Amino acid sequence: MLTTKITFALSDWIRDWRKCRDKNPSIDECVQFVEWKLEDYKLSDSDKRIIESILLYESE
């Protein structure tokens, strides 16, 4: 389950990614970031939809 702390970290990471690379990360890169932060947790389809929503919200 995604926590508020993880979702804020993902948002910050997406913004930092855009500053450094001048483009948005892919959904797969966002999923990898969250899996790395959560370590042994298996993301559900609902978690992945939330990650995609955060990416869309943070995208320009």
PDB file of N, CA and C in Angstrom:
ATOM      1  N   MET A   1       0.835  -1.182   0.000  1.00  0.00           N
ATOM      2  CA  MET A   1       0.000   0.000   0.000  1.00  0.00           C
ATOM      3  C   MET A   1       0.883   1.249   0.000  1.00  0.00           C
ATOM      4  N   LEU A   2       0.504   2.174  -0.815  1.00  0.00           N
ATOM      5  CA  LEU A   2       1.256   3.420  -0.908  1.00  0.00           C
ATOM      6  C   LEU A   2       0.897   4.326   0.271  1.00  0.00           C
ATOM      7  N   THR A   3       1.914   4.837   0.908  1.00  0.00           N
ATOM      8  CA  THR A   3       1.696   5.774   2.018  1.00  0.00           C
ATOM      9  C   THR A   3       1.816   7.195   1.494  1.00  0.00           C
ATOM     10  N   THR A   4       1.398   8.122   2.305  1.00  0.00           N
ATOM     11  CA  THR A   4       1.528   9.528   1.945  1.00  0.00           C
ATOM     12  C   THR A   4       2.998   9.888   1.754  1.00  0.00           C
ATOM     13  N   LYS A   5       3.843   9.348   2.613  1.00  0.00           N
ATOM     14  CA  LYS A   5       5.276   9.618   2.527  1.00  0.00           C
ATOM     15  C   LYS A   5       5.840   9.160   1.176  1.00  0.00           C
ATOM     16  N   ILE A   6       5.439   7.979   0.729  1.00  0.00           N
ATOM     17  CA  ILE A   6       5.914   7.442  -0.560  1.00  0.00           C
ATOM     18  C   ILE A   6       5.371   8.279  -1.717  1.00  0.00           C
ATOM     19  N   THR A   7       4.105   8.665  -1.663  1.00  0.00           N
ATOM     20  CA  THR A   7       3.541   9.438  -2.774  1.00  0.00           C
ATOM     21  C   THR A   7       4.188  10.823  -2.874  1.00  0.00           C
ATOM     22  N   PHE A   8       4.491  11.438  -1.728  1.00  0.00           N
ATOM     23  CA  PHE A   8       5.206  12.722  -1.758  1.00  0.00           C
ATOM     24  C   PHE A   8       6.622  12.543  -2.296  1.00  0.00           C
ATOM     25  N   ALA A   9       7.273  11.459  -1.894  1.00  0.00           N
ATOM     26  CA  ALA A   9       8.629  11.179  -2.387  1.00  0.00           C
ATOM     27  C   ALA A   9       8.606  10.979  -3.905  1.00  0.00           C
ATOM     28  N   LEU A  10       7.600  10.275  -4.396  1.00  0.00           N
ATOM     29  CA  LEU A  10       7.469  10.061  -5.842  1.00  0.00           C
ATOM     30  C   LEU A  10       7.259  11.388  -6.563  1.00  0.00           C
ATOM     31  N   SER A  11       6.406  12.236  -6.035  1.00  0.00           N
ATOM     32  CA  SER A  11       6.168  13.549  -6.654  1.00  0.00           C
ATOM     33  C   SER A  11       7.453  14.364  -6.721  1.00  0.00           C
ATOM     34  N   ASP A  12       8.187  14.388  -5.626  1.00  0.00           N
ATOM     35  CA  ASP A  12       9.466  15.109  -5.604  1.00  0.00           C
ATOM     36  C   ASP A  12      10.446  14.526  -6.606  1.00  0.00           C
ATOM     37  N   TRP A  13      10.506  13.203  -6.657  1.00  0.00           N
ATOM     38  CA  TRP A  13      11.416  12.514  -7.567  1.00  0.00           C
ATOM     39  C   TRP A  13      11.069  12.839  -9.023  1.00  0.00           C
ATOM     40  N   ILE A  14       9.788  12.859  -9.357  1.00  0.00           N
ATOM     41  CA  ILE A  14       9.358  13.187 -10.726  1.00  0.00           C
ATOM     42  C   ILE A  14       9.786  14.612 -11.083  1.00  0.00           C
ATOM     43  N   ARG A  15       9.572  15.559 -10.163  1.00  0.00           N
ATOM     44  CA  ARG A  15       9.976  16.948 -10.429  1.00  0.00           C
ATOM     45  C   ARG A  15      11.490  17.066 -10.602  1.00  0.00           C
ATOM     46  N   ASP A  16      12.244  16.368  -9.758  1.00  0.00           N
ATOM     47  CA  ASP A  16      13.704  16.388  -9.882  1.00  0.00           C
ATOM     48  C   ASP A  16      14.154  15.756 -11.196  1.00  0.00           C
ATOM     49  N   TRP A  17      13.510  14.674 -11.595  1.00  0.00           N
ATOM     50  CA  TRP A  17      13.816  13.989 -12.859  1.00  0.00           C
ATOM     51  C   TRP A  17      13.636  14.967 -14.018  1.00  0.00           C
ATOM     52  N   ARG A  18      12.504  15.696 -14.007  1.00  0.00           N
ATOM     53  CA  ARG A  18      12.226  16.647 -15.085  1.00  0.00           C
ATOM     54  C   ARG A  18      13.249  17.767 -15.125  1.00  0.00           C
ATOM     55  N   LYS A  19      13.679  18.247 -13.972  1.00  0.00           N
ATOM     56  CA  LYS A  19      14.685  19.310 -13.930  1.00  0.00           C
ATOM     57  C   LYS A  19      16.006  18.847 -14.534  1.00  0.00           C
ATOM     58  N   CYS A  20      16.390  17.616 -14.228  1.00  0.00           N
ATOM     59  CA  CYS A  20      17.684  17.088 -14.692  1.00  0.00           C
ATOM     60  C   CYS A  20      17.665  16.656 -16.149  1.00  0.00           C
ATOM     61  N   ARG A  21      16.561  16.082 -16.574  1.00  0.00           N
ATOM     62  CA  ARG A  21      16.529  15.470 -17.911  1.00  0.00           C
ATOM     63  C   ARG A  21      15.639  16.194 -18.907  1.00  0.00           C
ATOM     64  N   ASP A  22      14.908  17.178 -18.440  1.00  0.00           N
ATOM     65  CA  ASP A  22      14.041  17.968 -19.307  1.00  0.00           C
ATOM     66  C   ASP A  22      12.984  17.126 -20.013  1.00  0.00           C
ATOM     67  N   LYS A  23      12.550  16.062 -19.359  1.00  0.00           N
ATOM     68  CA  LYS A  23      11.445  15.238 -19.848  1.00  0.00           C
ATOM     69  C   LYS A  23      10.891  14.469 -18.657  1.00  0.00           C
ATOM     70  N   ASN A  24       9.707  13.907 -18.845  1.00  0.00           N
ATOM     71  CA  ASN A  24       9.078  13.139 -17.779  1.00  0.00           C
ATOM     72  C   ASN A  24       9.614  11.710 -17.750  1.00  0.00           C
ATOM     73  N   PRO A  25       9.670  11.100 -16.557  1.00  0.00           N
ATOM     74  CA  PRO A  25      10.034   9.687 -16.498  1.00  0.00           C
ATOM     75  C   PRO A  25       8.880   8.845 -17.038  1.00  0.00           C
ATOM     76  N   SER A  26       9.165   7.637 -17.421  1.00  0.00           N
ATOM     77  CA  SER A  26       8.111   6.727 -17.880  1.00  0.00           C
ATOM     78  C   SER A  26       7.374   6.160 -16.670  1.00  0.00           C
ATOM     79  N   ILE A  27       6.227   5.580 -16.913  1.00  0.00           N
ATOM     80  CA  ILE A  27       5.481   4.943 -15.828  1.00  0.00           C
ATOM     81  C   ILE A  27       6.303   3.804 -15.228  1.00  0.00           C
ATOM     82  N   ASP A  28       7.035   3.070 -16.058  1.00  0.00           N
ATOM     83  CA  ASP A  28       7.867   1.970 -15.563  1.00  0.00           C
ATOM     84  C   ASP A  28       8.969   2.482 -14.638  1.00  0.00           C
ATOM     85  N   GLU A  29       9.553   3.609 -14.965  1.00  0.00           N
ATOM     86  CA  GLU A  29      10.589   4.195 -14.106  1.00  0.00           C
ATOM     87  C   GLU A  29       9.993   4.643 -12.767  1.00  0.00           C
ATOM     88  N   CYS A  30       8.779   5.155 -12.806  1.00  0.00           N
ATOM     89  CA  CYS A  30       8.097   5.550 -11.567  1.00  0.00           C
ATOM     90  C   CYS A  30       7.789   4.330 -10.710  1.00  0.00           C
ATOM     91  N   VAL A  31       7.316   3.268 -11.342  1.00  0.00           N
ATOM     92  CA  VAL A  31       7.030   2.025 -10.614  1.00  0.00           C
ATOM     93  C   VAL A  31       8.310   1.478  -9.992  1.00  0.00           C
ATOM     94  N   GLN A  32       9.399   1.506 -10.731  1.00  0.00           N
ATOM     95  CA  GLN A  32      10.680   1.031 -10.196  1.00  0.00           C
ATOM     96  C   GLN A  32      11.118   1.858  -8.995  1.00  0.00           C
ATOM     97  N   PHE A  33      10.917   3.163  -9.052  1.00  0.00           N
ATOM     98  CA  PHE A  33      11.263   4.028  -7.921  1.00  0.00           C
ATOM     99  C   PHE A  33      10.464   3.632  -6.681  1.00  0.00           C
ATOM    100  N   VAL A  34       9.159   3.441  -6.849  1.00  0.00           N
ATOM    101  CA  VAL A  34       8.310   3.092  -5.706  1.00  0.00           C
ATOM    102  C   VAL A  34       8.678   1.711  -5.167  1.00  0.00           C
ATOM    103  N   GLU A  35       8.923   0.756  -6.053  1.00  0.00           N
ATOM    104  CA  GLU A  35       9.325  -0.586  -5.599  1.00  0.00           C
ATOM    105  C   GLU A  35      10.638  -0.512  -4.829  1.00  0.00           C
ATOM    106  N   TRP A  36      11.544   0.328  -5.278  1.00  0.00           N
ATOM    107  CA  TRP A  36      12.822   0.499  -4.579  1.00  0.00           C
ATOM    108  C   TRP A  36      12.591   1.081  -3.188  1.00  0.00           C
ATOM    109  N   LYS A  37      11.693   2.071  -3.092  1.00  0.00           N
ATOM    110  CA  LYS A  37      11.406   2.697  -1.803  1.00  0.00           C
ATOM    111  C   LYS A  37      10.712   1.719  -0.842  1.00  0.00           C
ATOM    112  N   LEU A  38       9.870   0.862  -1.385  1.00  0.00           N
ATOM    113  CA  LEU A  38       9.084  -0.048  -0.541  1.00  0.00           C
ATOM    114  C   LEU A  38       9.779  -1.382  -0.289  1.00  0.00           C
ATOM    115  N   GLU A  39      10.852  -1.650  -0.992  1.00  0.00           N
ATOM    116  CA  GLU A  39      11.653  -2.864  -0.871  1.00  0.00           C
ATOM    117  C   GLU A  39      10.865  -4.128  -1.212  1.00  0.00           C
ATOM    118  N   ASP A  40      10.343  -4.859  -0.244  1.00  0.00           N
ATOM    119  CA  ASP A  40       9.755  -6.181  -0.502  1.00  0.00           C
ATOM    120  C   ASP A  40       8.257  -6.173  -0.797  1.00  0.00           C
ATOM    121  N   TYR A  41       7.660  -5.023  -0.951  1.00  0.00           N
ATOM    122  CA  TYR A  41       6.217  -4.933  -1.169  1.00  0.00           C
ATOM    123  C   TYR A  41       5.893  -5.116  -2.649  1.00  0.00           C
ATOM    124  N   LYS A  42       4.909  -5.955  -2.951  1.00  0.00           N
ATOM    125  CA  LYS A  42       4.459  -6.181  -4.327  1.00  0.00           C
ATOM    126  C   LYS A  42       3.332  -5.190  -4.624  1.00  0.00           C
ATOM    127  N   LEU A  43       3.532  -4.346  -5.625  1.00  0.00           N
ATOM    128  CA  LEU A  43       2.531  -3.337  -5.976  1.00  0.00           C
ATOM    129  C   LEU A  43       1.292  -3.977  -6.595  1.00  0.00           C
ATOM    130  N   SER A  44       0.139  -3.509  -6.183  1.00  0.00           N
ATOM    131  CA  SER A  44      -1.127  -3.976  -6.753  1.00  0.00           C
ATOM    132  C   SER A  44      -1.448  -3.139  -7.998  1.00  0.00           C
ATOM    133  N   ASP A  45      -2.468  -3.550  -8.732  1.00  0.00           N
ATOM    134  CA  ASP A  45      -2.906  -2.777  -9.898  1.00  0.00           C
ATOM    135  C   ASP A  45      -3.409  -1.403  -9.455  1.00  0.00           C
ATOM    136  N   SER A  46      -4.044  -1.352  -8.307  1.00  0.00           N
ATOM    137  CA  SER A  46      -4.525  -0.084  -7.770  1.00  0.00           C
ATOM    138  C   SER A  46      -3.347   0.847  -7.456  1.00  0.00           C
ATOM    139  N   ASP A  47      -2.289   0.301  -6.872  1.00  0.00           N
ATOM    140  CA  ASP A  47      -1.085   1.095  -6.589  1.00  0.00           C
ATOM    141  C   ASP A  47      -0.508   1.658  -7.878  1.00  0.00           C
ATOM    142  N   LYS A  48      -0.466   0.851  -8.908  1.00  0.00           N
ATOM    143  CA  LYS A  48       0.094   1.293 -10.188  1.00  0.00           C
ATOM    144  C   LYS A  48      -0.751   2.395 -10.817  1.00  0.00           C
ATOM    145  N   ARG A  49      -2.070   2.322 -10.639  1.00  0.00           N
ATOM    146  CA  ARG A  49      -2.943   3.387 -11.149  1.00  0.00           C
ATOM    147  C   ARG A  49      -2.700   4.690 -10.391  1.00  0.00           C
ATOM    148  N   ILE A  50      -2.469   4.582  -9.097  1.00  0.00           N
ATOM    149  CA  ILE A  50      -2.170   5.774  -8.295  1.00  0.00           C
ATOM    150  C   ILE A  50      -0.849   6.388  -8.754  1.00  0.00           C
ATOM    151  N   ILE A  51       0.149   5.546  -8.989  1.00  0.00           N
ATOM    152  CA  ILE A  51       1.445   6.027  -9.479  1.00  0.00           C
ATOM    153  C   ILE A  51       1.267   6.735 -10.820  1.00  0.00           C
ATOM    154  N   GLU A  52       0.475   6.150 -11.694  1.00  0.00           N
ATOM    155  CA  GLU A  52       0.224   6.766 -12.997  1.00  0.00           C
ATOM    156  C   GLU A  52      -0.487   8.115 -12.835  1.00  0.00           C
ATOM    157  N   SER A  53      -1.416   8.203 -11.903  1.00  0.00           N
ATOM    158  CA  SER A  53      -2.122   9.457 -11.645  1.00  0.00           C
ATOM    159  C   SER A  53      -1.165  10.531 -11.144  1.00  0.00           C
ATOM    160  N   ILE A  54      -0.249  10.149 -10.260  1.00  0.00           N
ATOM    161  CA  ILE A  54       0.740  11.103  -9.749  1.00  0.00           C
ATOM    162  C   ILE A  54       1.630  11.588 -10.887  1.00  0.00           C
ATOM    163  N   LEU A  55       2.045  10.668 -11.754  1.00  0.00           N
ATOM    164  CA  LEU A  55       2.867  11.048 -12.898  1.00  0.00           C
ATOM    165  C   LEU A  55       2.118  12.026 -13.800  1.00  0.00           C
ATOM    166  N   LEU A  56       0.861  11.746 -14.083  1.00  0.00           N
ATOM    167  CA  LEU A  56       0.073  12.645 -14.929  1.00  0.00           C
ATOM    168  C   LEU A  56      -0.096  14.009 -14.276  1.00  0.00           C
ATOM    169  N   TYR A  57      -0.331  14.022 -12.975  1.00  0.00           N
ATOM    170  CA  TYR A  57      -0.498  15.288 -12.258  1.00  0.00           C
ATOM    171  C   TYR A  57       0.780  16.123 -12.270  1.00  0.00           C
ATOM    172  N   GLU A  58       1.918  15.459 -12.106  1.00  0.00           N
ATOM    173  CA  GLU A  58       3.195  16.163 -12.026  1.00  0.00           C
ATOM    174  C   GLU A  58       3.785  16.486 -13.401  1.00  0.00           C
ATOM    175  N   SER A  59       3.215  15.937 -14.454  1.00  0.00           N
ATOM    176  CA  SER A  59       3.735  16.155 -15.807  1.00  0.00           C
ATOM    177  C   SER A  59       3.335  17.534 -16.311  1.00  0.00           C
ATOM    178  N   GLU A  60       4.176  18.038 -17.180  1.00  0.00           N
ATOM    179  CA  GLU A  60       3.878  19.344 -17.796  1.00  0.00           C
ATOM    180  C   GLU A  60       3.266  19.154 -19.160  1.00  0.00           C
TER     181      GLU A  60
END
